[in-house]
Amino acid sequence: MSFFVPSGLQNFINHSHTMLFLFTPWVKTAYGELGQSEVAGAKANPRILNYFNVSKFWGTDD
């Protein structure tokens, strides 16, 4: 099924992520962090440990 989308709205939809980044800079940072994940076992993801440190979160393990 397809829907008619006015060209102006389609342009907005195609560029909405750009607009989101412009008006909410923290989203661009968060988007760049996609893919960070826990490391199995006794090791820990240093990036996640850095999140804990910067946010003053109590965590010591990812």
PDB file of N, CA and C in Angstrom:
ATOM      1  N   MET A   1       0.851  -1.167   0.000  1.00  0.00           N
ATOM      2  CA  MET A   1       0.000   0.000   0.000  1.00  0.00           C
ATOM      3  C   MET A   1       0.896   1.229   0.000  1.00  0.00           C
ATOM      4  N   SER A   2       0.546   2.203  -0.762  1.00  0.00           N
ATOM      5  CA  SER A   2       1.309   3.442  -0.776  1.00  0.00           C
ATOM      6  C   SER A   2       0.391   4.608  -0.465  1.00  0.00           C
ATOM      7  N   PHE A   3       0.989   5.659   0.016  1.00  0.00           N
ATOM      8  CA  PHE A   3       0.246   6.857   0.377  1.00  0.00           C
ATOM      9  C   PHE A   3       0.835   8.042  -0.363  1.00  0.00           C
ATOM     10  N   PHE A   4      -0.024   8.979  -0.698  1.00  0.00           N
ATOM     11  CA  PHE A   4       0.449  10.220  -1.295  1.00  0.00           C
ATOM     12  C   PHE A   4       1.013  11.107  -0.192  1.00  0.00           C
ATOM     13  N   VAL A   5       2.229  11.547  -0.391  1.00  0.00           N
ATOM     14  CA  VAL A   5       2.859  12.459   0.568  1.00  0.00           C
ATOM     15  C   VAL A   5       3.256  13.709  -0.208  1.00  0.00           C
ATOM     16  N   PRO A   6       2.721  14.872   0.169  1.00  0.00           N
ATOM     17  CA  PRO A   6       3.089  16.107  -0.528  1.00  0.00           C
ATOM     18  C   PRO A   6       4.606  16.288  -0.540  1.00  0.00           C
ATOM     19  N   SER A   7       5.128  16.833  -1.620  1.00  0.00           N
ATOM     20  CA  SER A   7       6.586  16.943  -1.779  1.00  0.00           C
ATOM     21  C   SER A   7       7.245  17.709  -0.639  1.00  0.00           C
ATOM     22  N   GLY A   8       6.627  18.755  -0.151  1.00  0.00           N
ATOM     23  CA  GLY A   8       7.217  19.507   0.961  1.00  0.00           C
ATOM     24  C   GLY A   8       7.340  18.668   2.214  1.00  0.00           C
ATOM     25  N   LEU A   9       6.334  17.856   2.473  1.00  0.00           N
ATOM     26  CA  LEU A   9       6.366  16.977   3.643  1.00  0.00           C
ATOM     27  C   LEU A   9       7.388  15.868   3.440  1.00  0.00           C
ATOM     28  N   GLN A  10       7.477  15.332   2.220  1.00  0.00           N
ATOM     29  CA  GLN A  10       8.459  14.286   1.942  1.00  0.00           C
ATOM     30  C   GLN A  10       9.871  14.812   2.164  1.00  0.00           C
ATOM     31  N   ASN A  11      10.124  16.027   1.741  1.00  0.00           N
ATOM     32  CA  ASN A  11      11.436  16.643   1.948  1.00  0.00           C
ATOM     33  C   ASN A  11      11.733  16.761   3.438  1.00  0.00           C
ATOM     34  N   PHE A  12      10.739  17.154   4.215  1.00  0.00           N
ATOM     35  CA  PHE A  12      10.906  17.251   5.669  1.00  0.00           C
ATOM     36  C   PHE A  12      11.214  15.887   6.268  1.00  0.00           C
ATOM     37  N   ILE A  13      10.471  14.867   5.845  1.00  0.00           N
ATOM     38  CA  ILE A  13      10.693  13.521   6.373  1.00  0.00           C
ATOM     39  C   ILE A  13      12.100  13.053   6.036  1.00  0.00           C
ATOM     40  N   ASN A  14      12.544  13.308   4.818  1.00  0.00           N
ATOM     41  CA  ASN A  14      13.881  12.887   4.404  1.00  0.00           C
ATOM     42  C   ASN A  14      14.980  13.584   5.183  1.00  0.00           C
ATOM     43  N   HIS A  15      14.710  14.775   5.693  1.00  0.00           N
ATOM     44  CA  HIS A  15      15.735  15.549   6.389  1.00  0.00           C
ATOM     45  C   HIS A  15      15.422  15.757   7.866  1.00  0.00           C
ATOM     46  N   SER A  16      14.451  15.021   8.403  1.00  0.00           N
ATOM     47  CA  SER A  16      14.056  15.246   9.795  1.00  0.00           C
ATOM     48  C   SER A  16      15.182  14.926  10.763  1.00  0.00           C
ATOM     49  N   HIS A  17      16.015  13.917  10.454  1.00  0.00           N
ATOM     50  CA  HIS A  17      17.130  13.615  11.354  1.00  0.00           C
ATOM     51  C   HIS A  17      18.113  14.779  11.384  1.00  0.00           C
ATOM     52  N   THR A  18      18.304  15.456  10.261  1.00  0.00           N
ATOM     53  CA  THR A  18      19.183  16.622  10.223  1.00  0.00           C
ATOM     54  C   THR A  18      18.616  17.733  11.093  1.00  0.00           C
ATOM     55  N   MET A  19      17.330  17.968  10.983  1.00  0.00           N
ATOM     56  CA  MET A  19      16.694  18.999  11.791  1.00  0.00           C
ATOM     57  C   MET A  19      16.776  18.649  13.270  1.00  0.00           C
ATOM     58  N   LEU A  20      16.569  17.376  13.595  1.00  0.00           N
ATOM     59  CA  LEU A  20      16.656  16.942  14.979  1.00  0.00           C
ATOM     60  C   LEU A  20      18.049  17.219  15.531  1.00  0.00           C
ATOM     61  N   PHE A  21      19.076  16.925  14.737  1.00  0.00           N
ATOM     62  CA  PHE A  21      20.451  17.181  15.170  1.00  0.00           C
ATOM     63  C   PHE A  21      20.706  18.670  15.363  1.00  0.00           C
ATOM     64  N   LEU A  22      20.115  19.502  14.493  1.00  0.00           N
ATOM     65  CA  LEU A  22      20.334  20.939  14.599  1.00  0.00           C
ATOM     66  C   LEU A  22      19.703  21.529  15.855  1.00  0.00           C
ATOM     67  N   PHE A  23      18.518  21.046  16.208  1.00  0.00           N
ATOM     68  CA  PHE A  23      17.789  21.632  17.322  1.00  0.00           C
ATOM     69  C   PHE A  23      18.033  20.932  18.649  1.00  0.00           C
ATOM     70  N   THR A  24      18.570  19.748  18.622  1.00  0.00           N
ATOM     71  CA  THR A  24      18.894  19.018  19.850  1.00  0.00           C
ATOM     72  C   THR A  24      20.274  18.384  19.689  1.00  0.00           C
ATOM     73  N   PRO A  25      21.333  19.149  19.913  1.00  0.00           N
ATOM     74  CA  PRO A  25      22.694  18.655  19.663  1.00  0.00           C
ATOM     75  C   PRO A  25      23.033  17.368  20.422  1.00  0.00           C
ATOM     76  N   TRP A  26      22.426  17.144  21.572  1.00  0.00           N
ATOM     77  CA  TRP A  26      22.728  15.934  22.328  1.00  0.00           C
ATOM     78  C   TRP A  26      22.285  14.683  21.582  1.00  0.00           C
ATOM     79  N   VAL A  27      21.274  14.806  20.699  1.00  0.00           N
ATOM     80  CA  VAL A  27      20.814  13.646  19.937  1.00  0.00           C
ATOM     81  C   VAL A  27      21.902  13.194  18.970  1.00  0.00           C
ATOM     82  N   LYS A  28      22.627  14.125  18.387  1.00  0.00           N
ATOM     83  CA  LYS A  28      23.713  13.767  17.480  1.00  0.00           C
ATOM     84  C   LYS A  28      24.771  12.965  18.233  1.00  0.00           C
ATOM     85  N   THR A  29      25.083  13.388  19.442  1.00  0.00           N
ATOM     86  CA  THR A  29      26.039  12.648  20.258  1.00  0.00           C
ATOM     87  C   THR A  29      25.510  11.258  20.568  1.00  0.00           C
ATOM     88  N   ALA A  30      24.249  11.185  20.992  1.00  0.00           N
ATOM     89  CA  ALA A  30      23.649   9.889  21.315  1.00  0.00           C
ATOM     90  C   ALA A  30      23.611   8.981  20.091  1.00  0.00           C
ATOM     91  N   TYR A  31      23.284   9.535  18.939  1.00  0.00           N
ATOM     92  CA  TYR A  31      23.240   8.759  17.704  1.00  0.00           C
ATOM     93  C   TYR A  31      24.613   8.157  17.406  1.00  0.00           C
ATOM     94  N   GLY A  32      25.655   8.907  17.681  1.00  0.00           N
ATOM     95  CA  GLY A  32      27.017   8.428  17.467  1.00  0.00           C
ATOM     96  C   GLY A  32      27.410   7.311  18.413  1.00  0.00           C
ATOM     97  N   GLU A  33      26.695   7.174  19.503  1.00  0.00           N
ATOM     98  CA  GLU A  33      26.997   6.134  20.487  1.00  0.00           C
ATOM     99  C   GLU A  33      26.237   4.837  20.236  1.00  0.00           C
ATOM    100  N   LEU A  34      25.356   4.826  19.236  1.00  0.00           N
ATOM    101  CA  LEU A  34      24.637   3.594  18.910  1.00  0.00           C
ATOM    102  C   LEU A  34      25.638   2.484  18.619  1.00  0.00           C
ATOM    103  N   GLY A  35      25.370   1.325  19.151  1.00  0.00           N
ATOM    104  CA  GLY A  35      26.250   0.185  18.935  1.00  0.00           C
ATOM    105  C   GLY A  35      27.094  -0.155  20.141  1.00  0.00           C
ATOM    106  N   GLN A  36      27.189   0.774  21.097  1.00  0.00           N
ATOM    107  CA  GLN A  36      27.921   0.460  22.323  1.00  0.00           C
ATOM    108  C   GLN A  36      27.152  -0.634  23.049  1.00  0.00           C
ATOM    109  N   SER A  37      27.860  -1.605  23.577  1.00  0.00           N
ATOM    110  CA  SER A  37      27.169  -2.692  24.260  1.00  0.00           C
ATOM    111  C   SER A  37      28.049  -3.294  25.348  1.00  0.00           C
ATOM    112  N   GLU A  38      27.409  -4.091  26.150  1.00  0.00           N
ATOM    113  CA  GLU A  38      28.089  -4.782  27.225  1.00  0.00           C
ATOM    114  C   GLU A  38      29.110  -5.755  26.654  1.00  0.00           C
ATOM    115  N   VAL A  39      30.209  -5.920  27.372  1.00  0.00           N
ATOM    116  CA  VAL A  39      31.210  -6.924  27.025  1.00  0.00           C
ATOM    117  C   VAL A  39      30.955  -8.116  27.932  1.00  0.00           C
ATOM    118  N   ALA A  40      30.797  -9.276  27.347  1.00  0.00           N
ATOM    119  CA  ALA A  40      30.518 -10.482  28.134  1.00  0.00           C
ATOM    120  C   ALA A  40      31.710 -10.857  29.021  1.00  0.00           C
ATOM    121  N   GLY A  41      31.407 -11.437  30.156  1.00  0.00           N
ATOM    122  CA  GLY A  41      32.453 -11.913  31.055  1.00  0.00           C
ATOM    123  C   GLY A  41      32.936 -10.850  32.020  1.00  0.00           C
ATOM    124  N   ALA A  42      34.156 -11.047  32.487  1.00  0.00           N
ATOM    125  CA  ALA A  42      34.714 -10.174  33.526  1.00  0.00           C
ATOM    126  C   ALA A  42      35.170  -8.825  32.983  1.00  0.00           C
ATOM    127  N   LYS A  43      35.375  -8.709  31.679  1.00  0.00           N
ATOM    128  CA  LYS A  43      35.818  -7.443  31.090  1.00  0.00           C
ATOM    129  C   LYS A  43      34.645  -6.466  31.040  1.00  0.00           C
ATOM    130  N   ALA A  44      34.951  -5.212  30.786  1.00  0.00           N
ATOM    131  CA  ALA A  44      33.907  -4.189  30.689  1.00  0.00           C
ATOM    132  C   ALA A  44      34.210  -3.280  29.505  1.00  0.00           C
ATOM    133  N   ASN A  45      33.176  -2.744  28.893  1.00  0.00           N
ATOM    134  CA  ASN A  45      33.322  -1.803  27.793  1.00  0.00           C
ATOM    135  C   ASN A  45      33.794  -0.473  28.387  1.00  0.00           C
ATOM    136  N   PRO A  46      34.994  -0.024  28.036  1.00  0.00           N
ATOM    137  CA  PRO A  46      35.511   1.223  28.618  1.00  0.00           C
ATOM    138  C   PRO A  46      34.639   2.438  28.313  1.00  0.00           C
ATOM    139  N   ARG A  47      33.962   2.427  27.177  1.00  0.00           N
ATOM    140  CA  ARG A  47      33.099   3.562  26.829  1.00  0.00           C
ATOM    141  C   ARG A  47      31.924   3.644  27.795  1.00  0.00           C
ATOM    142  N   ILE A  48      31.341   2.512  28.123  1.00  0.00           N
ATOM    143  CA  ILE A  48      30.221   2.494  29.068  1.00  0.00           C
ATOM    144  C   ILE A  48      30.704   2.883  30.460  1.00  0.00           C
ATOM    145  N   LEU A  49      31.879   2.422  30.847  1.00  0.00           N
ATOM    146  CA  LEU A  49      32.434   2.834  32.143  1.00  0.00           C
ATOM    147  C   LEU A  49      32.644   4.343  32.167  1.00  0.00           C
ATOM    148  N   ASN A  50      33.022   4.913  31.026  1.00  0.00           N
ATOM    149  CA  ASN A  50      33.170   6.369  30.941  1.00  0.00           C
ATOM    150  C   ASN A  50      31.827   7.061  31.115  1.00  0.00           C
ATOM    151  N   TYR A  51      30.747   6.490  30.546  1.00  0.00           N
ATOM    152  CA  TYR A  51      29.408   7.061  30.763  1.00  0.00           C
ATOM    153  C   TYR A  51      29.128   7.139  32.260  1.00  0.00           C
ATOM    154  N   PHE A  52      29.400   6.040  32.953  1.00  0.00           N
ATOM    155  CA  PHE A  52      29.149   5.991  34.401  1.00  0.00           C
ATOM    156  C   PHE A  52      29.931   7.088  35.113  1.00  0.00           C
ATOM    157  N   ASN A  53      31.200   7.222  34.783  1.00  0.00           N
ATOM    158  CA  ASN A  53      32.063   8.201  35.439  1.00  0.00           C
ATOM    159  C   ASN A  53      31.583   9.628  35.185  1.00  0.00           C
ATOM    160  N   VAL A  54      31.310   9.950  33.932  1.00  0.00           N
ATOM    161  CA  VAL A  54      30.904  11.309  33.570  1.00  0.00           C
ATOM    162  C   VAL A  54      29.560  11.675  34.180  1.00  0.00           C
ATOM    163  N   SER A  55      28.642  10.705  34.238  1.00  0.00           N
ATOM    164  CA  SER A  55      27.307  10.986  34.765  1.00  0.00           C
ATOM    165  C   SER A  55      27.217  10.828  36.280  1.00  0.00           C
ATOM    166  N   LYS A  56      28.329  10.453  36.900  1.00  0.00           N
ATOM    167  CA  LYS A  56      28.396  10.219  38.344  1.00  0.00           C
ATOM    168  C   LYS A  56      27.463   9.077  38.760  1.00  0.00           C
ATOM    169  N   PHE A  57      27.252   8.144  37.815  1.00  0.00           N
ATOM    170  CA  PHE A  57      26.444   6.955  38.079  1.00  0.00           C
ATOM    171  C   PHE A  57      27.250   6.015  38.962  1.00  0.00           C
ATOM    172  N   TRP A  58      26.571   5.223  39.773  1.00  0.00           N
ATOM    173  CA  TRP A  58      27.252   4.356  40.729  1.00  0.00           C
ATOM    174  C   TRP A  58      27.837   3.096  40.107  1.00  0.00           C
ATOM    175  N   GLY A  59      27.529   2.825  38.836  1.00  0.00           N
ATOM    176  CA  GLY A  59      27.955   1.568  38.204  1.00  0.00           C
ATOM    177  C   GLY A  59      29.463   1.418  38.104  1.00  0.00           C
ATOM    178  N   THR A  60      29.905   0.182  38.190  1.00  0.00           N
ATOM    179  CA  THR A  60      31.334  -0.132  38.031  1.00  0.00           C
ATOM    180  C   THR A  60      31.531  -1.226  37.008  1.00  0.00           C
ATOM    181  N   ASP A  61      30.453  -1.711  36.407  1.00  0.00           N
ATOM    182  CA  ASP A  61      30.504  -2.812  35.455  1.00  0.00           C
ATOM    183  C   ASP A  61      29.478  -2.525  34.375  1.00  0.00           C
ATOM    184  N   ASP A  62      29.850  -2.849  33.134  1.00  0.00           N
ATOM    185  CA  ASP A  62      28.898  -2.597  32.052  1.00  0.00           C
ATOM    186  C   ASP A  62      27.822  -3.663  32.061  1.00  0.00           C
TER     187      ASP A  62
END
